[in-house]
Amino acid sequence: MTARGGHPGPFSFNHFCRSLWYSLTPDLPGAIKACARAGFDQFAPDCLSLAAWQEQGGTLAELARLLRDAGLATGPLAACAMIDGSAAALDQLAGAARMAEVLGTSILQINVTGPDADLRAAAVEAACDMLGAYGEFRLALEYMPISGLATLAETLEIVARVGEARAGVLVDIWHHAHDPDGWQTLAGAPLGAIAYVEIDDALPPEGEDLLAEMMDRRTFPGEGVLETARFAKLLRERGYDGPVSVEVLNRKLAAEPIGWFATRAIETSRSLFAG
């Protein structure tokens, strides 16, 4: 798909930023319409909101129809599981795969934890093996400074171990900024190993609580302290043309009307990748 801005790949709205995590009642039909009007190419639902939608009597087939009618592709399915080698995590991921199949997406975003690199890699490999029974899916591995999997370098090693067809890296600029070797590693990362990238920004930190900063103090791209222009320029110059997901995690901003939020999100993101 060709995006509607300067970046050749699709812009995707990550709905996790409007999810139950922020004590919001998800309005998926309203969000889909708002994202289409704003100019997004993809709408990426999150598993928390999908579960709430189904509990309220909605169906995944209905959501798939709403996406088609709005002219939106389904982006990566967000918040699928925290993979730790346990059977419970694999069961959760299997449930996400069943939802993804109905919605028409093959990318499942996960996080990874575990006490050491070998166990983390083995947990991802087991997840890839399990997913083979459900269809052709690709895991997007999101590394974070607060989880066991905390660097791009280790994530790339896991992708090389399991194969790029089965997994790729999710490079979120917020996490990238907290990776000491992030810029050097990203400059040399194989493009085929990147599942997609995520753009956002950060307000000046208030303290040492990384979880609070990560989950509630982000802002729109180009309006904070992260090197968003450098990030976009590096990806453009390297020829990256995959999805650019927009994820602005901020409780105060999430309380604003979805139409304004989606429009602000796409305008700030598109301007960065247009050069």
Protein backbone atom coordinates (compact mmCIF):
# COMPACT_ATOMS: atom_id res chain seq x y z
CA MET A 1 0.00 0.00 0.00
CA THR A 2 1.20 3.49 -0.79
CA ALA A 3 0.86 6.02 2.00
CA ARG A 4 -0.77 9.40 1.57
CA GLY A 5 2.33 11.36 2.59
CA GLY A 6 6.04 11.50 1.84
CA HIS A 7 6.84 8.15 3.43
CA PRO A 8 6.28 5.33 0.89
CA GLY A 9 4.94 2.86 3.44
CA PRO A 10 1.66 2.91 5.35
CA PHE A 11 0.93 5.00 8.43
CA SER A 12 -0.80 2.96 11.12
CA PHE A 13 -2.76 4.13 14.18
CA ASN A 14 -1.99 2.00 17.26
CA HIS A 15 -5.23 1.90 19.23
CA PHE A 16 -3.51 0.77 22.44
CA CYS A 17 -3.15 4.46 23.34
CA ARG A 18 -6.97 4.64 23.57
CA SER A 19 -7.43 1.30 25.31
CA LEU A 20 -8.67 0.04 28.67
CA TRP A 21 -5.15 0.59 30.01
CA TYR A 22 -6.11 4.27 30.22
CA SER A 23 -9.48 3.56 31.87
CA LEU A 24 -11.27 4.44 28.64
CA THR A 25 -14.28 2.65 27.22
CA PRO A 26 -13.04 1.70 23.75
CA ASP A 27 -15.14 2.92 20.83
CA LEU A 28 -13.60 0.93 18.01
CA PRO A 29 -16.14 1.92 15.32
CA GLY A 30 -15.69 5.60 16.21
CA ALA A 31 -11.91 5.28 16.22
CA ILE A 32 -11.91 3.53 12.83
CA LYS A 33 -13.99 6.31 11.28
CA ALA A 34 -11.83 9.03 12.86
CA CYS A 35 -8.59 7.45 11.66
CA ALA A 36 -9.93 7.09 8.13
CA ARG A 37 -11.01 10.74 8.07
CA ALA A 38 -7.62 11.83 9.44
CA GLY A 39 -5.79 10.07 6.60
CA PHE A 40 -4.30 6.94 8.17
CA ASP A 41 -3.67 3.93 5.94
CA GLN A 42 -3.98 1.30 8.65
CA PHE A 43 -5.83 0.87 11.93
CA ALA A 44 -4.02 -1.35 14.44
CA PRO A 45 -6.41 -2.70 17.10
CA ASP A 46 -5.14 -3.85 20.47
CA CYS A 47 -6.13 -7.09 22.16
CA LEU A 48 -7.49 -5.34 25.27
CA SER A 49 -9.98 -3.35 23.21
CA LEU A 50 -10.90 -6.33 21.05
CA ALA A 51 -11.72 -8.37 24.15
CA ALA A 52 -13.92 -5.56 25.47
CA TRP A 53 -15.64 -5.25 22.08
CA GLN A 54 -16.52 -8.94 22.07
CA GLU A 55 -17.70 -8.85 25.68
CA GLN A 56 -20.11 -6.09 24.65
CA GLY A 57 -21.57 -8.33 21.94
CA GLY A 58 -19.54 -7.10 18.98
CA THR A 59 -17.94 -9.49 16.52
CA LEU A 60 -14.56 -9.47 14.83
CA ALA A 61 -16.24 -10.00 11.46
CA GLU A 62 -18.18 -6.78 12.02
CA LEU A 63 -14.97 -4.89 12.78
CA ALA A 64 -13.32 -6.31 9.67
CA ARG A 65 -16.26 -5.03 7.63
CA LEU A 66 -16.04 -1.58 9.24
CA LEU A 67 -12.35 -1.41 8.36
CA ARG A 68 -13.01 -2.37 4.75
CA ASP A 69 -15.83 0.14 4.45
CA ALA A 70 -13.55 2.87 5.85
CA GLY A 71 -10.80 2.02 3.36
CA LEU A 72 -8.36 1.02 6.10
CA ALA A 73 -6.10 -2.01 6.20
CA THR A 74 -5.67 -3.80 9.49
CA GLY A 75 -2.33 -2.89 11.03
CA PRO A 76 -0.24 -4.98 13.42
CA LEU A 77 -2.31 -6.47 16.23
CA ALA A 78 -1.04 -4.78 19.40
CA ALA A 79 -0.47 -6.07 22.93
CA CYS A 80 -0.83 -9.75 22.02
CA ALA A 81 1.23 -11.29 24.83
CA MET A 82 4.22 -11.03 27.15
CA ILE A 83 6.22 -14.06 26.04
CA ASP A 84 8.10 -15.71 28.89
CA GLY A 85 8.23 -19.38 27.93
CA SER A 86 5.06 -20.25 29.81
CA ALA A 87 2.08 -22.17 28.47
CA ALA A 88 -0.23 -19.37 29.60
CA ALA A 89 1.61 -16.85 27.41
CA LEU A 90 1.42 -19.18 24.42
CA ASP A 91 -2.32 -19.66 24.98
CA GLN A 92 -2.76 -15.89 25.04
CA LEU A 93 -0.79 -15.56 21.81
CA ALA A 94 -2.86 -18.30 20.17
CA GLY A 95 -6.01 -16.35 21.02
CA ALA A 96 -4.51 -13.25 19.43
CA ALA A 97 -3.69 -15.24 16.28
CA ARG A 98 -7.31 -16.32 15.98
CA MET A 99 -8.41 -12.69 16.20
CA ALA A 100 -5.77 -11.57 13.70
CA GLU A 101 -6.93 -14.16 11.18
CA VAL A 102 -10.48 -12.75 11.18
CA LEU A 103 -9.27 -9.15 11.04
CA GLY A 104 -6.85 -9.81 8.22
CA THR A 105 -3.45 -9.06 9.71
CA SER A 106 -0.42 -11.31 9.94
CA ILE A 107 1.72 -9.25 12.35
CA LEU A 108 1.37 -9.92 16.07
CA GLN A 109 3.14 -7.49 18.41
CA ILE A 110 4.57 -9.06 21.56
CA ASN A 111 6.92 -8.25 24.40
CA VAL A 112 9.48 -10.67 25.78
CA THR A 113 10.82 -11.27 29.25
CA GLY A 114 13.00 -13.84 30.96
CA PRO A 115 16.10 -14.04 33.18
CA ASP A 116 18.70 -14.44 30.42
CA ALA A 117 19.18 -14.13 26.68
CA ASP A 118 19.10 -17.88 25.95
CA LEU A 119 15.76 -18.34 27.68
CA ARG A 120 14.28 -15.28 25.98
CA ALA A 121 15.36 -16.57 22.56
CA ALA A 122 14.00 -20.03 23.33
CA ALA A 123 10.66 -18.54 24.41
CA VAL A 124 10.33 -16.65 21.12
CA GLU A 125 11.30 -19.74 19.14
CA ALA A 126 8.61 -21.74 20.94
CA ALA A 127 6.08 -19.03 20.16
CA CYS A 128 7.01 -19.10 16.47
CA ASP A 129 6.72 -22.90 16.41
CA MET A 130 3.30 -22.75 18.05
CA LEU A 131 2.02 -20.09 15.63
CA GLY A 132 2.84 -22.35 12.70
CA ALA A 133 -0.29 -24.34 13.51
CA TYR A 134 -2.47 -21.25 13.09
CA GLY A 135 -1.21 -19.89 9.80
CA GLU A 136 1.48 -17.61 8.42
CA PHE A 137 2.04 -15.05 11.15
CA ARG A 138 5.04 -12.88 11.96
CA LEU A 139 5.90 -11.78 15.47
CA ALA A 140 6.93 -8.16 16.02
CA LEU A 141 9.30 -8.20 19.00
CA GLU A 142 9.17 -4.98 21.00
CA TYR A 143 12.21 -4.47 23.19
CA MET A 144 11.79 -2.17 26.20
CA PRO A 145 14.12 -0.89 28.94
CA ILE A 146 11.79 -2.27 31.62
CA SER A 147 11.57 -5.81 30.23
CA GLY A 148 14.06 -8.64 29.93
CA LEU A 149 14.45 -7.93 26.22
CA ALA A 150 15.84 -4.40 26.39
CA THR A 151 18.09 -3.78 23.38
CA LEU A 152 17.84 -3.79 19.62
CA ALA A 153 21.03 -5.84 19.36
CA GLU A 154 19.64 -8.76 21.34
CA THR A 155 16.34 -8.56 19.49
CA LEU A 156 18.13 -8.78 16.15
CA GLU A 157 19.98 -11.87 17.40
CA ILE A 158 16.66 -13.53 18.19
CA VAL A 159 15.29 -12.64 14.76
CA ALA A 160 18.36 -14.15 13.12
CA ARG A 161 17.85 -17.32 15.18
CA VAL A 162 14.16 -17.85 14.33
CA GLY A 163 14.22 -16.36 10.83
CA GLU A 164 12.92 -13.07 9.45
CA ALA A 165 9.86 -14.75 7.98
CA ARG A 166 8.69 -15.69 11.47
CA ALA A 167 9.74 -12.63 13.47
CA GLY A 168 10.98 -9.10 13.14
CA VAL A 169 11.86 -6.18 15.37
CA LEU A 170 9.47 -3.44 16.40
CA VAL A 171 11.63 -0.33 16.73
CA ASP A 172 9.79 2.20 18.89
CA ILE A 173 11.68 5.50 19.13
CA TRP A 174 10.96 5.80 22.87
CA HIS A 175 12.62 2.45 23.59
CA HIS A 176 15.29 3.17 20.99
CA ALA A 177 16.21 6.34 22.90
CA HIS A 178 16.80 4.23 26.04
CA ASP A 179 19.09 1.73 24.27
CA PRO A 180 22.72 2.86 24.84
CA ASP A 181 23.83 1.45 21.47
CA GLY A 182 20.55 2.07 19.69
CA TRP A 183 21.68 4.49 16.99
CA GLN A 184 24.71 2.46 15.94
CA THR A 185 22.73 -0.77 15.92
CA LEU A 186 19.83 0.69 13.94
CA ALA A 187 22.20 2.13 11.34
CA GLY A 188 23.43 -1.37 10.56
CA ALA A 189 20.29 -3.42 11.13
CA PRO A 190 19.07 -5.49 8.16
CA LEU A 191 15.93 -3.83 6.83
CA GLY A 192 14.32 -7.24 6.41
CA ALA A 193 14.65 -7.81 10.15
CA ILE A 194 12.42 -4.81 10.97
CA ALA A 195 8.75 -5.73 11.24
CA TYR A 196 7.72 -2.10 11.63
CA VAL A 197 8.66 1.09 13.43
CA GLU A 198 6.74 3.19 15.94
CA ILE A 199 6.89 6.95 16.20
CA ASP A 200 6.02 9.15 19.18
CA ASP A 201 7.85 11.63 21.37
CA ALA A 202 8.48 12.24 25.07
CA LEU A 203 7.90 15.08 27.47
CA PRO A 204 10.90 16.13 29.59
CA PRO A 205 11.25 13.40 32.27
CA GLU A 206 9.90 14.16 35.71
CA GLY A 207 11.74 11.41 37.58
CA GLU A 208 13.36 7.98 37.50
CA ASP A 209 10.15 5.94 37.13
CA LEU A 210 10.62 4.54 33.62
CA LEU A 211 7.23 2.83 33.59
CA ALA A 212 5.43 6.09 34.35
CA GLU A 213 7.46 7.96 31.74
CA MET A 214 6.90 5.24 29.15
CA MET A 215 3.17 4.76 29.68
CA ASP A 216 1.96 8.26 30.47
CA ARG A 217 4.41 10.96 29.37
CA ARG A 218 4.67 10.64 25.63
CA THR A 219 3.49 13.27 23.18
CA PHE A 220 3.03 13.79 19.47
CA PRO A 221 6.09 13.33 17.24
CA GLY A 222 8.29 16.41 17.04
CA GLU A 223 6.74 18.00 20.12
CA GLY A 224 9.02 16.54 22.78
CA VAL A 225 12.66 15.83 23.62
CA LEU A 226 13.38 12.73 21.50
CA GLU A 227 15.43 12.90 18.30
CA THR A 228 12.45 12.19 16.08
CA ALA A 229 13.79 13.98 13.00
CA ARG A 230 17.06 12.04 13.22
CA PHE A 231 15.12 8.78 13.60
CA ALA A 232 12.92 9.44 10.56
CA LYS A 233 15.86 10.65 8.45
CA LEU A 234 17.92 7.55 9.22
CA LEU A 235 15.05 5.25 8.25
CA ARG A 236 14.29 7.19 5.07
CA GLU A 237 17.93 7.22 3.97
CA ARG A 238 18.24 3.50 4.60
CA GLY A 239 15.23 2.88 2.37
CA TYR A 240 12.79 1.71 5.00
CA ASP A 241 9.32 1.56 3.45
CA GLY A 242 7.40 -0.53 6.00
CA PRO A 243 4.63 0.53 8.36
CA VAL A 244 5.06 3.56 10.59
CA SER A 245 2.86 3.05 13.64
CA VAL A 246 1.87 6.06 15.74
CA GLU A 247 1.54 5.38 19.48
CA VAL A 248 1.18 8.40 21.78
CA LEU A 249 0.83 7.05 25.32
CA ASN A 250 -0.47 9.87 27.48
CA ARG A 251 -3.54 9.69 29.72
CA LYS A 252 -4.34 13.38 29.41
CA LEU A 253 -4.11 13.39 25.62
CA ALA A 254 -6.11 10.16 25.42
CA ALA A 255 -9.03 11.97 27.06
CA GLU A 256 -9.25 14.35 24.10
CA PRO A 257 -11.74 13.66 21.27
CA ILE A 258 -10.56 10.88 18.98
CA GLY A 259 -10.99 13.01 15.85
CA TRP A 260 -8.59 15.66 17.12
CA PHE A 261 -6.20 13.03 18.48
CA ALA A 262 -6.02 11.04 15.24
CA THR A 263 -5.59 14.15 13.09
CA ARG A 264 -2.81 15.51 15.29
CA ALA A 265 -1.11 12.09 15.32
CA ILE A 266 -1.00 11.69 11.54
CA GLU A 267 -0.07 15.30 10.79
CA THR A 268 2.92 15.31 13.14
CA SER A 269 4.10 11.88 12.00
CA ARG A 270 3.73 12.52 8.28
CA SER A 271 5.64 15.79 8.48
CA LEU A 272 8.66 14.02 9.98
CA PHE A 273 8.84 11.28 7.35
CA ALA A 274 8.21 13.68 4.48
CA GLY A 275 11.73 15.07 5.06
